[in-house]
N, C-alpha and C. Protein backbone atom coordinates (compact mmCIF):
# COMPACT_ATOMS: atom_id res chain seq x y z
N UNK A 1 -0.05 -12.93 26.26
CA UNK A 1 -1.14 -12.94 25.31
C UNK A 1 -1.19 -11.62 24.55
N UNK A 2 -1.68 -11.68 23.32
CA UNK A 2 -1.69 -10.49 22.47
C UNK A 2 -3.09 -9.90 22.36
N UNK A 3 -3.91 -10.05 23.34
CA UNK A 3 -5.27 -9.53 23.25
C UNK A 3 -5.24 -8.01 23.09
N UNK A 4 -5.88 -7.52 22.06
CA UNK A 4 -6.06 -6.08 21.79
C UNK A 4 -4.74 -5.34 21.60
N UNK A 5 -3.69 -6.03 21.18
CA UNK A 5 -2.41 -5.40 20.89
C UNK A 5 -2.40 -5.10 19.40
N UNK A 6 -2.27 -3.84 19.04
CA UNK A 6 -2.37 -3.43 17.65
C UNK A 6 -1.00 -3.40 16.99
N UNK A 7 -0.92 -3.90 15.77
CA UNK A 7 0.27 -3.74 14.95
C UNK A 7 1.30 -4.84 15.13
N UNK A 8 2.29 -4.79 14.26
CA UNK A 8 3.39 -5.75 14.28
C UNK A 8 4.68 -4.99 14.51
N UNK A 9 5.60 -5.58 15.25
CA UNK A 9 6.87 -4.91 15.53
C UNK A 9 7.94 -5.23 14.51
N UNK A 10 7.91 -6.41 13.93
CA UNK A 10 8.86 -6.83 12.90
C UNK A 10 10.31 -6.75 13.34
N UNK A 11 10.57 -6.82 14.64
CA UNK A 11 11.93 -6.80 15.15
C UNK A 11 12.65 -5.48 14.94
N UNK A 12 11.89 -4.38 14.88
CA UNK A 12 12.47 -3.06 14.62
C UNK A 12 11.93 -2.07 15.63
N UNK A 13 12.64 -0.96 15.78
CA UNK A 13 12.10 0.11 16.61
C UNK A 13 11.12 0.95 15.79
N UNK A 14 10.51 1.94 16.41
CA UNK A 14 9.44 2.68 15.77
C UNK A 14 9.83 3.41 14.50
N UNK A 15 10.97 4.07 14.51
CA UNK A 15 11.38 4.82 13.33
C UNK A 15 11.76 3.89 12.18
N UNK A 16 12.35 2.74 12.50
CA UNK A 16 12.68 1.77 11.45
C UNK A 16 11.41 1.17 10.84
N UNK A 17 10.40 0.91 11.67
CA UNK A 17 9.12 0.40 11.15
C UNK A 17 8.44 1.42 10.26
N UNK A 18 8.49 2.68 10.65
CA UNK A 18 7.88 3.74 9.85
C UNK A 18 8.59 3.87 8.50
N UNK A 19 9.92 3.80 8.50
CA UNK A 19 10.68 3.87 7.25
C UNK A 19 10.38 2.66 6.37
N UNK A 20 10.29 1.47 6.96
CA UNK A 20 9.97 0.27 6.21
C UNK A 20 8.59 0.37 5.58
N UNK A 21 7.62 0.90 6.32
CA UNK A 21 6.27 1.06 5.79
C UNK A 21 6.27 2.02 4.61
N UNK A 22 7.01 3.11 4.70
CA UNK A 22 7.09 4.07 3.61
C UNK A 22 7.74 3.45 2.37
N UNK A 23 8.82 2.73 2.56
CA UNK A 23 9.54 2.11 1.43
C UNK A 23 8.67 1.08 0.73
N UNK A 24 8.01 0.21 1.50
CA UNK A 24 7.18 -0.83 0.89
C UNK A 24 5.95 -0.24 0.21
N UNK A 25 5.35 0.79 0.82
CA UNK A 25 4.18 1.44 0.23
C UNK A 25 4.53 2.10 -1.09
N UNK A 26 5.64 2.84 -1.10
CA UNK A 26 6.06 3.51 -2.32
C UNK A 26 6.39 2.51 -3.42
N UNK A 27 7.06 1.43 -3.07
CA UNK A 27 7.41 0.42 -4.07
C UNK A 27 6.16 -0.23 -4.65
N UNK A 28 5.18 -0.53 -3.80
CA UNK A 28 3.95 -1.16 -4.29
C UNK A 28 3.18 -0.22 -5.20
N UNK A 29 3.08 1.04 -4.85
CA UNK A 29 2.33 1.99 -5.68
C UNK A 29 3.07 2.30 -6.98
N UNK A 30 4.39 2.31 -6.96
CA UNK A 30 5.16 2.59 -8.17
C UNK A 30 5.13 1.42 -9.14
N UNK A 31 5.31 0.21 -8.63
CA UNK A 31 5.49 -0.95 -9.49
C UNK A 31 4.24 -1.83 -9.62
N UNK A 32 3.29 -1.70 -8.70
CA UNK A 32 2.09 -2.50 -8.76
C UNK A 32 2.23 -3.87 -8.14
N UNK A 33 3.44 -4.30 -7.85
CA UNK A 33 3.70 -5.63 -7.30
C UNK A 33 5.05 -5.62 -6.60
N UNK A 34 5.11 -6.24 -5.41
CA UNK A 34 6.38 -6.39 -4.72
C UNK A 34 6.50 -7.81 -4.18
N UNK A 35 7.72 -8.25 -4.03
CA UNK A 35 8.02 -9.56 -3.46
C UNK A 35 8.62 -9.32 -2.09
N UNK A 36 7.97 -9.84 -1.04
CA UNK A 36 8.42 -9.59 0.32
C UNK A 36 7.99 -10.75 1.21
N UNK A 37 8.30 -10.65 2.50
CA UNK A 37 7.89 -11.71 3.43
C UNK A 37 6.42 -11.54 3.78
N UNK A 38 5.82 -12.59 4.30
CA UNK A 38 4.40 -12.57 4.65
C UNK A 38 4.12 -11.53 5.74
N UNK A 39 5.00 -11.44 6.74
CA UNK A 39 4.78 -10.51 7.84
C UNK A 39 4.82 -9.06 7.35
N UNK A 40 5.77 -8.74 6.47
CA UNK A 40 5.86 -7.38 5.94
C UNK A 40 4.68 -7.06 5.04
N UNK A 41 4.21 -8.03 4.28
CA UNK A 41 3.05 -7.82 3.41
C UNK A 41 1.80 -7.54 4.25
N UNK A 42 1.61 -8.30 5.31
CA UNK A 42 0.47 -8.06 6.19
C UNK A 42 0.58 -6.70 6.87
N UNK A 43 1.80 -6.30 7.17
CA UNK A 43 2.05 -5.03 7.84
C UNK A 43 1.68 -3.84 6.97
N UNK A 44 1.97 -3.90 5.68
CA UNK A 44 1.79 -2.75 4.80
C UNK A 44 0.47 -2.77 4.04
N UNK A 45 -0.19 -3.89 3.97
CA UNK A 45 -1.39 -4.05 3.15
C UNK A 45 -2.50 -3.08 3.55
N UNK A 46 -2.83 -3.01 4.81
CA UNK A 46 -3.90 -2.13 5.26
C UNK A 46 -3.59 -0.66 5.02
N UNK A 47 -2.33 -0.30 5.16
CA UNK A 47 -1.91 1.09 4.96
C UNK A 47 -2.11 1.51 3.51
N UNK A 48 -1.75 0.63 2.59
CA UNK A 48 -1.91 0.92 1.16
C UNK A 48 -3.39 1.01 0.81
N UNK A 49 -4.20 0.12 1.35
CA UNK A 49 -5.62 0.15 1.05
C UNK A 49 -6.27 1.42 1.57
N UNK A 50 -5.85 1.91 2.72
CA UNK A 50 -6.39 3.17 3.24
C UNK A 50 -6.00 4.35 2.35
N UNK A 51 -4.78 4.34 1.82
CA UNK A 51 -4.36 5.41 0.91
C UNK A 51 -5.19 5.41 -0.38
N UNK A 52 -5.46 4.24 -0.92
CA UNK A 52 -6.26 4.16 -2.14
C UNK A 52 -7.69 4.61 -1.87
N UNK A 53 -8.24 4.24 -0.71
CA UNK A 53 -9.58 4.69 -0.35
C UNK A 53 -9.61 6.21 -0.19
N UNK A 54 -8.59 6.78 0.40
CA UNK A 54 -8.50 8.24 0.53
C UNK A 54 -8.51 8.90 -0.84
N UNK A 55 -7.76 8.35 -1.78
CA UNK A 55 -7.71 8.92 -3.13
C UNK A 55 -9.04 8.75 -3.85
N UNK A 56 -9.73 7.64 -3.63
CA UNK A 56 -11.03 7.42 -4.26
C UNK A 56 -12.08 8.37 -3.74
N UNK A 57 -12.12 8.59 -2.43
CA UNK A 57 -13.15 9.42 -1.83
C UNK A 57 -13.02 10.89 -2.21
N UNK A 58 -11.84 11.33 -2.59
CA UNK A 58 -11.64 12.74 -2.92
C UNK A 58 -12.23 13.10 -4.27
N UNK A 59 -12.54 12.12 -5.11
CA UNK A 59 -13.02 12.40 -6.47
C UNK A 59 -14.39 13.06 -6.50
N UNK A 60 -15.34 12.60 -5.67
CA UNK A 60 -16.71 13.07 -5.78
C UNK A 60 -17.01 14.35 -5.02
N UNK A 61 -16.13 14.78 -4.13
CA UNK A 61 -16.42 15.93 -3.28
C UNK A 61 -16.03 17.26 -3.88
N UNK A 62 -15.92 18.24 -3.02
CA UNK A 62 -15.54 19.58 -3.44
C UNK A 62 -14.04 19.63 -3.76
N UNK A 63 -13.65 20.74 -4.36
CA UNK A 63 -12.23 20.91 -4.71
C UNK A 63 -11.36 21.00 -3.47
N UNK A 64 -11.87 21.63 -2.41
CA UNK A 64 -11.07 21.75 -1.19
C UNK A 64 -10.85 20.38 -0.55
N UNK A 65 -11.84 19.47 -0.67
CA UNK A 65 -11.67 18.11 -0.15
C UNK A 65 -10.59 17.36 -0.93
N UNK A 66 -10.55 17.58 -2.24
CA UNK A 66 -9.55 16.91 -3.07
C UNK A 66 -8.15 17.39 -2.73
N UNK A 67 -8.01 18.69 -2.52
CA UNK A 67 -6.69 19.25 -2.16
C UNK A 67 -6.27 18.71 -0.80
N UNK A 68 -7.21 18.66 0.13
CA UNK A 68 -6.90 18.15 1.47
C UNK A 68 -6.45 16.68 1.39
N UNK A 69 -7.15 15.88 0.61
CA UNK A 69 -6.80 14.47 0.46
C UNK A 69 -5.43 14.31 -0.18
N UNK A 70 -5.12 15.14 -1.17
CA UNK A 70 -3.80 15.06 -1.81
C UNK A 70 -2.69 15.44 -0.84
N UNK A 71 -2.95 16.42 0.00
CA UNK A 71 -1.93 16.82 0.98
C UNK A 71 -1.73 15.74 2.03
N UNK A 72 -2.83 15.09 2.46
CA UNK A 72 -2.71 13.97 3.40
C UNK A 72 -1.90 12.84 2.78
N UNK A 73 -2.23 12.49 1.55
CA UNK A 73 -1.50 11.41 0.87
C UNK A 73 -0.04 11.77 0.68
N UNK A 74 0.23 13.03 0.33
CA UNK A 74 1.62 13.45 0.13
C UNK A 74 2.40 13.34 1.43
N UNK A 75 1.79 13.71 2.54
CA UNK A 75 2.51 13.63 3.81
C UNK A 75 2.77 12.19 4.20
N UNK A 76 1.89 11.29 3.79
CA UNK A 76 2.07 9.87 4.13
C UNK A 76 2.99 9.15 3.15
N UNK A 77 3.28 9.77 2.01
CA UNK A 77 4.16 9.15 1.00
C UNK A 77 5.49 9.88 0.89
N UNK A 78 5.87 10.65 1.88
CA UNK A 78 7.16 11.32 1.86
C UNK A 78 7.22 12.48 0.91
N UNK A 79 6.09 13.14 0.65
CA UNK A 79 6.00 14.32 -0.22
C UNK A 79 6.56 14.08 -1.61
N UNK A 80 6.27 12.94 -2.16
CA UNK A 80 6.67 12.59 -3.53
C UNK A 80 5.53 12.99 -4.47
N UNK A 81 5.69 14.09 -5.18
CA UNK A 81 4.61 14.63 -6.01
C UNK A 81 4.22 13.70 -7.14
N UNK A 82 5.21 13.07 -7.77
CA UNK A 82 4.91 12.17 -8.89
C UNK A 82 4.09 10.97 -8.42
N UNK A 83 4.43 10.43 -7.26
CA UNK A 83 3.72 9.27 -6.75
C UNK A 83 2.29 9.65 -6.32
N UNK A 84 2.12 10.82 -5.72
CA UNK A 84 0.78 11.27 -5.34
C UNK A 84 -0.07 11.48 -6.59
N UNK A 85 0.53 12.05 -7.62
CA UNK A 85 -0.21 12.24 -8.87
C UNK A 85 -0.61 10.89 -9.46
N UNK A 86 0.29 9.93 -9.44
CA UNK A 86 -0.02 8.60 -9.96
C UNK A 86 -1.13 7.95 -9.14
N UNK A 87 -1.10 8.13 -7.83
CA UNK A 87 -2.13 7.55 -6.97
C UNK A 87 -3.50 8.13 -7.30
N UNK A 88 -3.59 9.44 -7.48
CA UNK A 88 -4.89 10.08 -7.70
C UNK A 88 -5.34 10.00 -9.16
N UNK A 89 -4.41 10.04 -10.11
CA UNK A 89 -4.78 10.07 -11.52
C UNK A 89 -4.87 8.68 -12.16
N UNK A 90 -4.03 7.74 -11.73
CA UNK A 90 -3.98 6.44 -12.38
C UNK A 90 -4.55 5.31 -11.53
N UNK A 91 -4.12 5.23 -10.28
CA UNK A 91 -4.47 4.07 -9.45
C UNK A 91 -5.92 4.16 -8.94
N UNK A 92 -6.30 5.28 -8.35
CA UNK A 92 -7.64 5.40 -7.77
C UNK A 92 -8.77 5.22 -8.79
N UNK A 93 -8.67 5.77 -10.01
CA UNK A 93 -9.75 5.54 -10.97
C UNK A 93 -9.93 4.08 -11.37
N UNK A 94 -8.87 3.29 -11.31
CA UNK A 94 -8.99 1.86 -11.63
C UNK A 94 -9.87 1.13 -10.62
N UNK A 95 -9.90 1.62 -9.38
CA UNK A 95 -10.67 0.97 -8.32
C UNK A 95 -11.98 1.68 -8.04
N UNK A 96 -12.44 2.49 -8.97
CA UNK A 96 -13.63 3.31 -8.75
C UNK A 96 -14.87 2.48 -8.42
N UNK A 97 -15.04 1.34 -9.05
CA UNK A 97 -16.23 0.52 -8.84
C UNK A 97 -16.00 -0.63 -7.86
N UNK A 98 -14.86 -0.67 -7.23
CA UNK A 98 -14.55 -1.74 -6.28
C UNK A 98 -14.69 -1.19 -4.86
N UNK A 99 -15.48 -1.84 -4.01
CA UNK A 99 -15.71 -1.30 -2.67
C UNK A 99 -14.55 -1.53 -1.69
N UNK A 100 -13.59 -2.33 -2.03
CA UNK A 100 -12.46 -2.60 -1.15
C UNK A 100 -11.66 -3.76 -1.71
N UNK A 101 -10.66 -4.22 -0.97
CA UNK A 101 -9.86 -5.33 -1.43
C UNK A 101 -9.01 -4.98 -2.62
N UNK A 102 -8.19 -3.94 -2.48
CA UNK A 102 -7.40 -3.43 -3.59
C UNK A 102 -6.10 -4.20 -3.79
N UNK A 103 -5.73 -5.02 -2.82
CA UNK A 103 -4.48 -5.79 -2.92
C UNK A 103 -4.78 -7.27 -2.77
N UNK A 104 -3.86 -8.09 -3.29
CA UNK A 104 -3.96 -9.53 -3.09
C UNK A 104 -2.57 -10.05 -2.77
N UNK A 105 -2.55 -11.18 -2.06
CA UNK A 105 -1.30 -11.80 -1.65
C UNK A 105 -1.24 -13.21 -2.23
N UNK A 106 -0.16 -13.50 -2.96
CA UNK A 106 0.11 -14.83 -3.48
C UNK A 106 1.31 -15.41 -2.75
N UNK A 107 1.18 -16.64 -2.28
CA UNK A 107 2.32 -17.31 -1.68
C UNK A 107 3.25 -17.80 -2.79
N UNK A 108 4.55 -17.63 -2.56
CA UNK A 108 5.55 -18.15 -3.49
C UNK A 108 6.53 -19.00 -2.69
N UNK A 109 7.54 -19.52 -3.35
CA UNK A 109 8.48 -20.40 -2.67
C UNK A 109 9.25 -19.65 -1.59
N UNK A 110 9.65 -20.34 -0.51
CA UNK A 110 10.36 -19.70 0.58
C UNK A 110 11.71 -19.15 0.14
N UNK A 111 12.19 -18.17 0.88
CA UNK A 111 13.49 -17.59 0.61
C UNK A 111 14.57 -18.63 0.88
N UNK A 112 15.58 -18.68 0.04
CA UNK A 112 16.60 -19.73 0.13
C UNK A 112 17.46 -19.62 1.38
N UNK A 113 17.78 -18.42 1.82
CA UNK A 113 18.70 -18.26 2.93
C UNK A 113 18.17 -18.73 4.26
N UNK A 114 16.93 -18.37 4.60
CA UNK A 114 16.40 -18.70 5.91
C UNK A 114 15.02 -19.35 5.88
N UNK A 115 14.55 -19.72 4.68
CA UNK A 115 13.26 -20.37 4.50
C UNK A 115 12.09 -19.51 5.00
N UNK A 116 12.26 -18.20 4.94
CA UNK A 116 11.17 -17.30 5.33
C UNK A 116 10.06 -17.40 4.30
N UNK A 117 8.82 -17.31 4.76
CA UNK A 117 7.66 -17.42 3.87
C UNK A 117 7.57 -16.16 3.01
N UNK A 118 7.72 -16.32 1.70
CA UNK A 118 7.71 -15.19 0.78
C UNK A 118 6.36 -15.12 0.06
N UNK A 119 5.97 -13.89 -0.27
CA UNK A 119 4.71 -13.67 -0.96
C UNK A 119 4.88 -12.59 -2.02
N UNK A 120 3.94 -12.55 -2.96
CA UNK A 120 3.82 -11.43 -3.88
C UNK A 120 2.63 -10.62 -3.41
N UNK A 121 2.85 -9.35 -3.13
CA UNK A 121 1.78 -8.43 -2.77
C UNK A 121 1.56 -7.55 -3.99
N UNK A 122 0.34 -7.57 -4.53
CA UNK A 122 0.09 -6.82 -5.75
C UNK A 122 -1.26 -6.13 -5.70
N UNK A 123 -1.39 -5.10 -6.51
CA UNK A 123 -2.67 -4.43 -6.68
C UNK A 123 -3.55 -5.31 -7.55
N UNK A 124 -4.83 -5.43 -7.21
CA UNK A 124 -5.70 -6.34 -7.95
C UNK A 124 -5.96 -5.85 -9.37
N UNK A 125 -6.09 -4.57 -9.58
CA UNK A 125 -6.36 -4.00 -10.91
C UNK A 125 -5.09 -3.37 -11.43
N UNK A 126 -4.20 -4.19 -11.97
CA UNK A 126 -2.94 -3.66 -12.49
C UNK A 126 -3.11 -3.25 -13.93
N UNK A 127 -2.40 -2.19 -14.34
CA UNK A 127 -2.53 -1.71 -15.70
C UNK A 127 -1.83 -2.62 -16.72
N UNK A 128 -0.81 -3.34 -16.30
CA UNK A 128 -0.09 -4.21 -17.22
C UNK A 128 -0.49 -5.67 -17.06
N UNK A 129 -1.60 -5.93 -16.34
CA UNK A 129 -2.05 -7.31 -16.13
C UNK A 129 -2.61 -7.88 -17.42
N UNK A 130 -2.27 -9.13 -17.68
CA UNK A 130 -2.77 -9.82 -18.87
C UNK A 130 -3.74 -10.89 -18.41
N UNK A 131 -4.97 -10.48 -18.13
CA UNK A 131 -5.94 -11.44 -17.59
C UNK A 131 -6.92 -11.81 -18.62
């Protein structure tokens, strides 16, 4: 039974899961949308939402809080300065009035090779969205 067991293993060891989380998070923040399996989307979704919340909360506080939040985000994104800047300057202001739910998952057709359930994981407020 999986009672109170946190997280998904995804058939990988710890360092491989950490690398996968970093790759998927960076791709989603850079492009606004990624195509992946349902299990991987569920795995990375909460992590991305926590990063966006961290970037949002740093706006209203003191300057030292903003610097601290940027350093935390940078450490979690592999110290990519351009991506951290994009997160704080472009992505977080788009979600300023939204209390949560920054990502959405759309089911798409299964992968041809193994019929794995594929999804589109995207940011709800995309800059290039034509709604």
